[in-house]
Amino acid sequence: MIDKELLEILVCPVCKKPLIVKGESLKCGQCRRVYPIKDNIPVMLVDEATTDPT
């Protein structure tokens, strides 16, 4: 999965809030965008993100 040191510095590219691991993705608690993780690499592109309604 994602290295802890990398996770500590990653933030949402839209609202700049910290991300949490949610299954095979990273979720922003503020704007609820969900960024996929492909081959253990987070894809931090807004166009690739989905929005979690919860």
N, C-alpha and C. Protein backbone atom coordinates (compact mmCIF):
# COMPACT_ATOMS: atom_id res chain seq x y z
N MET A 1 0.84 -1.19 0.00
CA MET A 1 0.00 0.00 0.00
C MET A 1 0.88 1.25 0.00
N ILE A 2 0.35 2.35 0.40
CA ILE A 2 1.04 3.64 0.37
C ILE A 2 1.98 3.76 1.57
N ASP A 3 3.17 4.24 1.33
CA ASP A 3 4.15 4.48 2.38
C ASP A 3 3.62 5.55 3.34
N LYS A 4 3.79 5.35 4.65
CA LYS A 4 3.29 6.31 5.65
C LYS A 4 3.86 7.70 5.46
N GLU A 5 5.14 7.79 5.13
CA GLU A 5 5.76 9.11 4.93
C GLU A 5 5.14 9.84 3.74
N LEU A 6 4.84 9.11 2.68
CA LEU A 6 4.18 9.72 1.53
C LEU A 6 2.77 10.16 1.89
N LEU A 7 2.04 9.33 2.61
CA LEU A 7 0.68 9.67 3.00
C LEU A 7 0.63 10.92 3.87
N GLU A 8 1.65 11.13 4.68
CA GLU A 8 1.69 12.31 5.55
C GLU A 8 1.83 13.62 4.76
N ILE A 9 2.43 13.57 3.58
CA ILE A 9 2.62 14.82 2.82
C ILE A 9 1.59 15.01 1.71
N LEU A 10 0.83 13.95 1.38
CA LEU A 10 -0.18 14.09 0.34
C LEU A 10 -1.39 14.86 0.86
N VAL A 11 -1.87 15.78 0.05
CA VAL A 11 -3.09 16.52 0.36
C VAL A 11 -3.97 16.56 -0.89
N CYS A 12 -5.22 16.87 -0.70
CA CYS A 12 -6.15 17.01 -1.82
C CYS A 12 -5.69 18.18 -2.69
N PRO A 13 -5.56 17.98 -4.00
CA PRO A 13 -5.12 19.08 -4.86
C PRO A 13 -6.15 20.20 -4.99
N VAL A 14 -7.39 19.96 -4.60
CA VAL A 14 -8.43 20.97 -4.70
C VAL A 14 -8.50 21.84 -3.45
N CYS A 15 -8.66 21.19 -2.28
CA CYS A 15 -8.88 21.97 -1.05
C CYS A 15 -7.69 21.94 -0.09
N LYS A 16 -6.65 21.19 -0.43
CA LYS A 16 -5.40 21.12 0.34
C LYS A 16 -5.56 20.51 1.73
N LYS A 17 -6.57 19.67 1.93
CA LYS A 17 -6.79 18.98 3.21
C LYS A 17 -6.16 17.59 3.15
N PRO A 18 -5.82 17.00 4.32
CA PRO A 18 -5.21 15.67 4.36
C PRO A 18 -6.14 14.60 3.78
N LEU A 19 -5.54 13.52 3.31
CA LEU A 19 -6.27 12.41 2.72
C LEU A 19 -6.22 11.20 3.65
N ILE A 20 -7.23 10.36 3.56
CA ILE A 20 -7.25 9.11 4.32
C ILE A 20 -7.36 7.95 3.34
N VAL A 21 -6.80 6.81 3.72
CA VAL A 21 -6.87 5.61 2.88
C VAL A 21 -8.25 5.00 3.04
N LYS A 22 -8.88 4.73 1.90
CA LYS A 22 -10.20 4.09 1.88
C LYS A 22 -10.16 2.99 0.84
N GLY A 23 -9.86 1.77 1.29
CA GLY A 23 -9.73 0.65 0.37
C GLY A 23 -8.56 0.84 -0.57
N GLU A 24 -8.83 0.86 -1.86
CA GLU A 24 -7.80 1.06 -2.89
C GLU A 24 -7.81 2.49 -3.41
N SER A 25 -8.07 3.45 -2.52
CA SER A 25 -8.12 4.85 -2.94
C SER A 25 -7.79 5.75 -1.76
N LEU A 26 -7.67 7.04 -2.05
CA LEU A 26 -7.45 8.06 -1.03
C LEU A 26 -8.63 9.01 -1.05
N LYS A 27 -9.18 9.30 0.11
CA LYS A 27 -10.37 10.15 0.19
C LYS A 27 -10.07 11.42 0.97
N CYS A 28 -10.60 12.53 0.46
CA CYS A 28 -10.50 13.80 1.15
C CYS A 28 -11.73 13.94 2.05
N GLY A 29 -11.51 14.19 3.32
CA GLY A 29 -12.61 14.35 4.26
C GLY A 29 -13.36 15.65 4.09
N GLN A 30 -12.74 16.63 3.49
CA GLN A 30 -13.36 17.96 3.32
C GLN A 30 -14.28 17.99 2.09
N CYS A 31 -13.74 17.76 0.90
CA CYS A 31 -14.54 17.89 -0.33
C CYS A 31 -15.07 16.54 -0.83
N ARG A 32 -14.71 15.44 -0.15
CA ARG A 32 -15.18 14.08 -0.44
C ARG A 32 -14.74 13.52 -1.78
N ARG A 33 -13.70 14.10 -2.37
CA ARG A 33 -13.16 13.53 -3.61
C ARG A 33 -12.37 12.26 -3.27
N VAL A 34 -12.46 11.29 -4.14
CA VAL A 34 -11.79 10.01 -3.95
C VAL A 34 -10.82 9.82 -5.11
N TYR A 35 -9.54 9.70 -4.79
CA TYR A 35 -8.48 9.54 -5.78
C TYR A 35 -8.04 8.08 -5.82
N PRO A 36 -8.01 7.48 -7.02
CA PRO A 36 -7.64 6.06 -7.11
C PRO A 36 -6.15 5.83 -6.86
N ILE A 37 -5.85 4.61 -6.45
CA ILE A 37 -4.47 4.16 -6.31
C ILE A 37 -4.29 3.05 -7.35
N LYS A 38 -3.38 3.27 -8.30
CA LYS A 38 -3.13 2.28 -9.35
C LYS A 38 -1.68 1.82 -9.26
N ASP A 39 -1.48 0.51 -9.11
CA ASP A 39 -0.14 -0.07 -8.98
C ASP A 39 0.64 0.58 -7.84
N ASN A 40 -0.03 0.81 -6.72
CA ASN A 40 0.55 1.43 -5.51
C ASN A 40 0.98 2.87 -5.72
N ILE A 41 0.44 3.53 -6.74
CA ILE A 41 0.75 4.93 -7.01
C ILE A 41 -0.55 5.73 -6.97
N PRO A 42 -0.64 6.72 -6.08
CA PRO A 42 -1.87 7.53 -6.04
C PRO A 42 -1.98 8.42 -7.27
N VAL A 43 -3.14 8.42 -7.87
CA VAL A 43 -3.42 9.25 -9.04
C VAL A 43 -4.14 10.50 -8.53
N MET A 44 -3.37 11.58 -8.39
CA MET A 44 -3.88 12.79 -7.77
C MET A 44 -4.40 13.81 -8.79
N LEU A 45 -4.98 13.33 -9.86
CA LEU A 45 -5.55 14.19 -10.89
C LEU A 45 -7.03 14.40 -10.60
N VAL A 46 -7.47 15.65 -10.61
CA VAL A 46 -8.87 15.95 -10.32
C VAL A 46 -9.79 15.27 -11.34
N ASP A 47 -9.35 15.17 -12.59
CA ASP A 47 -10.17 14.53 -13.62
C ASP A 47 -10.36 13.04 -13.38
N GLU A 48 -9.45 12.42 -12.64
CA GLU A 48 -9.53 10.98 -12.32
C GLU A 48 -10.31 10.72 -11.04
N ALA A 49 -10.59 11.75 -10.27
CA ALA A 49 -11.27 11.59 -8.98
C ALA A 49 -12.77 11.43 -9.15
N THR A 50 -13.36 10.73 -8.19
CA THR A 50 -14.80 10.63 -8.10
C THR A 50 -15.23 11.33 -6.81
N THR A 51 -16.51 11.56 -6.66
CA THR A 51 -17.02 12.19 -5.44
C THR A 51 -17.84 11.18 -4.67
N ASP A 52 -17.49 11.00 -3.39
CA ASP A 52 -18.20 10.07 -2.51
C ASP A 52 -19.34 10.84 -1.83
N PRO A 53 -20.58 10.42 -2.01
CA PRO A 53 -21.71 11.15 -1.42
C PRO A 53 -21.77 11.10 0.10
N THR A 54 -21.03 10.18 0.73
CA THR A 54 -21.08 10.09 2.20
C THR A 54 -19.86 10.64 2.85
